[in-house]
N, C-alpha and C. Protein backbone atom coordinates (compact mmCIF):
# COMPACT_ATOMS: atom_id res chain seq x y z
N GLU A 1 239.65 106.33 169.24
CA GLU A 1 238.23 106.09 169.45
C GLU A 1 237.84 106.31 170.91
N VAL A 2 238.74 105.97 171.83
CA VAL A 2 238.43 106.15 173.25
C VAL A 2 238.32 107.63 173.61
N TYR A 3 238.98 108.49 172.89
CA TYR A 3 238.93 109.92 173.20
C TYR A 3 237.53 110.51 173.00
N LYS A 4 236.71 109.86 172.18
CA LYS A 4 235.33 110.32 172.00
C LYS A 4 234.55 110.19 173.30
N LEU A 5 234.91 109.20 174.12
CA LEU A 5 234.18 108.92 175.35
C LEU A 5 234.87 109.46 176.59
N ALA A 6 236.16 109.76 176.51
CA ALA A 6 236.95 110.14 177.68
C ALA A 6 236.83 111.64 177.96
N ASP A 7 235.62 112.05 178.32
CA ASP A 7 235.40 113.47 178.60
C ASP A 7 234.91 113.71 180.03
N GLY A 8 235.01 112.67 180.88
CA GLY A 8 234.56 112.80 182.26
C GLY A 8 233.10 112.44 182.47
N SER A 9 232.44 112.00 181.41
CA SER A 9 231.03 111.63 181.53
C SER A 9 230.86 110.38 182.38
N ILE A 10 229.70 110.26 182.98
CA ILE A 10 229.33 109.07 183.74
C ILE A 10 228.34 108.29 182.90
N PHE A 11 228.59 106.99 182.72
CA PHE A 11 227.73 106.17 181.89
C PHE A 11 226.94 105.19 182.75
N SER A 12 225.73 104.91 182.33
CA SER A 12 224.98 103.83 182.96
C SER A 12 225.58 102.51 182.50
N GLY A 13 225.19 101.42 183.15
CA GLY A 13 225.68 100.12 182.73
C GLY A 13 225.32 99.81 181.30
N ARG A 14 224.10 100.12 180.91
CA ARG A 14 223.64 99.87 179.54
C ARG A 14 224.46 100.68 178.53
N GLN A 15 224.72 101.95 178.83
CA GLN A 15 225.52 102.78 177.93
C GLN A 15 226.94 102.23 177.81
N ALA A 16 227.54 101.86 178.94
CA ALA A 16 228.90 101.31 178.91
C ALA A 16 228.95 100.04 178.07
N TYR A 17 227.92 99.21 178.19
CA TYR A 17 227.86 97.98 177.39
C TYR A 17 227.73 98.32 175.91
N ASN A 18 226.86 99.26 175.58
CA ASN A 18 226.66 99.64 174.18
C ASN A 18 227.92 100.25 173.56
N TYR A 19 228.71 100.95 174.37
CA TYR A 19 229.96 101.55 173.88
C TYR A 19 231.11 100.55 173.86
N GLY A 20 230.89 99.35 174.36
CA GLY A 20 231.94 98.33 174.37
C GLY A 20 232.94 98.50 175.50
N LEU A 21 232.57 99.25 176.53
CA LEU A 21 233.49 99.46 177.65
C LEU A 21 233.48 98.30 178.64
N ILE A 22 232.40 97.53 178.66
CA ILE A 22 232.30 96.36 179.53
C ILE A 22 231.83 95.18 178.71
N ASP A 23 232.09 93.96 179.22
CA ASP A 23 231.75 92.75 178.49
C ASP A 23 230.31 92.32 178.68
N THR A 24 229.77 92.55 179.87
CA THR A 24 228.42 92.10 180.17
C THR A 24 227.82 92.96 181.27
N LEU A 25 226.51 92.85 181.41
CA LEU A 25 225.80 93.55 182.48
C LEU A 25 225.51 92.58 183.61
N GLY A 26 225.54 93.05 184.83
CA GLY A 26 225.23 92.18 185.96
C GLY A 26 225.45 92.91 187.26
N GLY A 27 225.11 92.22 188.34
CA GLY A 27 225.26 92.78 189.67
C GLY A 27 226.39 92.11 190.43
N PHE A 28 226.39 92.30 191.73
CA PHE A 28 227.45 91.78 192.59
C PHE A 28 227.55 90.27 192.51
N GLU A 29 226.40 89.59 192.63
CA GLU A 29 226.41 88.12 192.61
C GLU A 29 226.91 87.59 191.27
N ASP A 30 226.55 88.26 190.18
CA ASP A 30 227.05 87.86 188.86
C ASP A 30 228.57 88.00 188.79
N ALA A 31 229.09 89.08 189.34
CA ALA A 31 230.53 89.31 189.33
C ALA A 31 231.26 88.25 190.16
N VAL A 32 230.70 87.89 191.32
CA VAL A 32 231.31 86.86 192.17
C VAL A 32 231.30 85.52 191.45
N ARG A 33 230.16 85.19 190.82
CA ARG A 33 230.05 83.92 190.10
C ARG A 33 231.07 83.85 188.96
N LEU A 34 231.20 84.92 188.18
CA LEU A 34 232.15 84.93 187.07
C LEU A 34 233.59 84.87 187.58
N ALA A 35 233.90 85.58 188.65
CA ALA A 35 235.25 85.53 189.23
C ALA A 35 235.58 84.12 189.71
N ALA A 36 234.59 83.44 190.31
CA ALA A 36 234.80 82.07 190.77
C ALA A 36 235.05 81.14 189.59
N GLU A 37 234.29 81.31 188.52
CA GLU A 37 234.51 80.49 187.32
C GLU A 37 235.91 80.70 186.77
N LEU A 38 236.33 81.96 186.66
CA LEU A 38 237.65 82.26 186.11
C LEU A 38 238.77 81.74 187.01
N ALA A 39 238.51 81.68 188.32
CA ALA A 39 239.52 81.20 189.27
C ALA A 39 239.48 79.68 189.43
N GLY A 40 238.50 79.03 188.80
CA GLY A 40 238.41 77.58 188.89
C GLY A 40 237.81 77.09 190.20
N ILE A 41 237.02 77.92 190.86
CA ILE A 41 236.38 77.53 192.12
C ILE A 41 235.08 76.81 191.79
N SER A 42 234.93 75.60 192.30
CA SER A 42 233.70 74.85 192.04
C SER A 42 232.71 75.07 193.18
N GLY A 43 231.44 74.93 192.90
CA GLY A 43 230.42 75.16 193.91
C GLY A 43 230.16 76.63 194.11
N LYS A 44 229.36 76.91 195.12
CA LYS A 44 229.04 78.31 195.40
C LYS A 44 230.20 78.97 196.15
N PRO A 45 230.75 80.06 195.60
CA PRO A 45 231.88 80.72 196.27
C PRO A 45 231.43 81.41 197.56
N GLN A 46 232.31 81.42 198.53
CA GLN A 46 232.04 82.09 199.80
C GLN A 46 232.56 83.52 199.71
N THR A 47 231.78 84.44 200.20
CA THR A 47 232.21 85.84 200.22
C THR A 47 232.20 86.34 201.65
N VAL A 48 233.03 87.31 201.91
CA VAL A 48 233.09 87.93 203.23
C VAL A 48 232.64 89.37 203.07
N LYS A 49 231.62 89.73 203.81
CA LYS A 49 231.12 91.10 203.76
C LYS A 49 231.33 91.74 205.13
N ASP A 50 231.97 92.88 205.14
CA ASP A 50 232.21 93.61 206.38
C ASP A 50 230.96 94.43 206.67
N PHE A 51 230.25 94.05 207.71
CA PHE A 51 229.00 94.72 208.05
C PHE A 51 229.25 95.75 209.14
N VAL A 52 228.94 96.98 208.83
CA VAL A 52 229.04 98.06 209.81
C VAL A 52 227.62 98.61 209.99
N PRO A 53 227.04 98.40 211.17
CA PRO A 53 225.67 98.87 211.35
C PRO A 53 225.58 100.39 211.23
N ARG A 54 224.55 100.83 210.57
CA ARG A 54 224.34 102.26 210.41
C ARG A 54 223.76 102.83 211.69
N LYS A 55 224.15 104.04 211.99
CA LYS A 55 223.61 104.69 213.17
C LYS A 55 222.22 105.22 212.84
N GLY A 56 221.32 105.00 213.76
CA GLY A 56 219.96 105.48 213.60
C GLY A 56 219.79 106.89 214.12
N PHE A 57 218.60 107.38 213.97
CA PHE A 57 218.29 108.75 214.40
C PHE A 57 218.57 108.95 215.88
N PHE A 58 218.15 108.00 216.71
CA PHE A 58 218.32 108.17 218.15
C PHE A 58 219.78 108.03 218.57
N ASP A 59 220.58 107.24 217.83
CA ASP A 59 222.02 107.17 218.12
C ASP A 59 222.66 108.53 217.87
N LEU A 60 222.31 109.15 216.75
CA LEU A 60 222.87 110.46 216.43
C LEU A 60 222.37 111.51 217.42
N LEU A 61 221.09 111.44 217.77
CA LEU A 61 220.54 112.39 218.73
C LEU A 61 221.20 112.23 220.10
N GLY A 62 221.44 110.98 220.51
CA GLY A 62 222.13 110.73 221.77
C GLY A 62 223.52 111.33 221.78
N GLY A 63 224.23 111.23 220.66
CA GLY A 63 225.56 111.82 220.55
C GLY A 63 225.52 113.33 220.70
N LEU A 64 224.51 113.95 220.11
CA LEU A 64 224.37 115.40 220.24
C LEU A 64 224.06 115.79 221.68
N LEU A 65 223.19 115.03 222.32
CA LEU A 65 222.83 115.34 223.71
C LEU A 65 224.02 115.15 224.65
N ARG A 66 224.84 114.14 224.39
CA ARG A 66 226.05 113.95 225.21
C ARG A 66 226.97 115.15 225.08
N ASN A 67 227.10 115.66 223.86
CA ASN A 67 227.97 116.82 223.65
C ASN A 67 227.43 118.06 224.35
N VAL A 68 226.12 118.24 224.34
CA VAL A 68 225.52 119.39 225.03
C VAL A 68 225.75 119.25 226.53
N GLY A 69 225.55 118.04 227.06
CA GLY A 69 225.78 117.83 228.49
C GLY A 69 227.22 118.07 228.87
N ARG A 70 228.15 117.62 228.05
CA ARG A 70 229.57 117.82 228.33
C ARG A 70 229.92 119.30 228.27
N ALA A 71 229.36 120.00 227.27
CA ALA A 71 229.67 121.42 227.13
C ALA A 71 229.13 122.21 228.31
N SER A 72 227.93 121.84 228.78
CA SER A 72 227.37 122.59 229.90
C SER A 72 228.13 122.30 231.19
N SER A 73 228.67 121.08 231.34
CA SER A 73 229.39 120.77 232.57
C SER A 73 230.79 121.38 232.57
N THR A 74 231.40 121.51 231.40
CA THR A 74 232.74 122.10 231.33
C THR A 74 232.69 123.59 231.03
N GLY A 75 231.52 124.05 230.57
CA GLY A 75 231.42 125.46 230.22
C GLY A 75 232.10 125.80 228.92
N SER A 76 232.39 124.79 228.11
CA SER A 76 233.12 125.02 226.86
C SER A 76 232.34 124.44 225.69
N LEU A 77 232.24 125.21 224.65
CA LEU A 77 231.68 124.73 223.39
C LEU A 77 232.76 124.77 222.31
N GLY A 78 234.00 124.54 222.69
CA GLY A 78 235.11 124.62 221.75
C GLY A 78 235.09 123.52 220.71
N PRO A 79 236.02 123.59 219.77
CA PRO A 79 236.07 122.59 218.71
C PRO A 79 236.47 121.23 219.25
N GLU A 80 235.97 120.19 218.58
CA GLU A 80 236.34 118.83 218.95
C GLU A 80 236.26 117.95 217.71
N ILE A 81 236.93 116.83 217.77
CA ILE A 81 236.92 115.89 216.66
C ILE A 81 235.82 114.87 216.90
N LEU A 82 234.93 114.72 215.92
CA LEU A 82 233.82 113.78 216.02
C LEU A 82 233.88 112.82 214.84
N TYR A 83 233.59 111.58 215.06
CA TYR A 83 233.50 110.59 213.99
C TYR A 83 232.03 110.21 213.86
N LEU A 84 231.33 110.88 212.97
CA LEU A 84 229.90 110.64 212.78
C LEU A 84 229.70 109.87 211.49
N TYR A 85 228.75 108.98 211.48
CA TYR A 85 228.45 108.20 210.28
C TYR A 85 227.21 108.73 209.63
């Protein structure tokens, strides 16, 4: 029966629920609440979220301008490794 669905398709939450692939529909908070219940945690569970601030337009523009300034001072526009978000 699973081979009918195992063709690489992407399902919405509602479709997955209708096909019996998931037990219930919900979001992140629902999943945390259910995990806490299953783990026997009483009260509101504490979660840790790793916050990485997104770079804005001017941060990205500043990075480009720094590269142009460096290239003009060294006279090189060669390849370099950049970590852009």
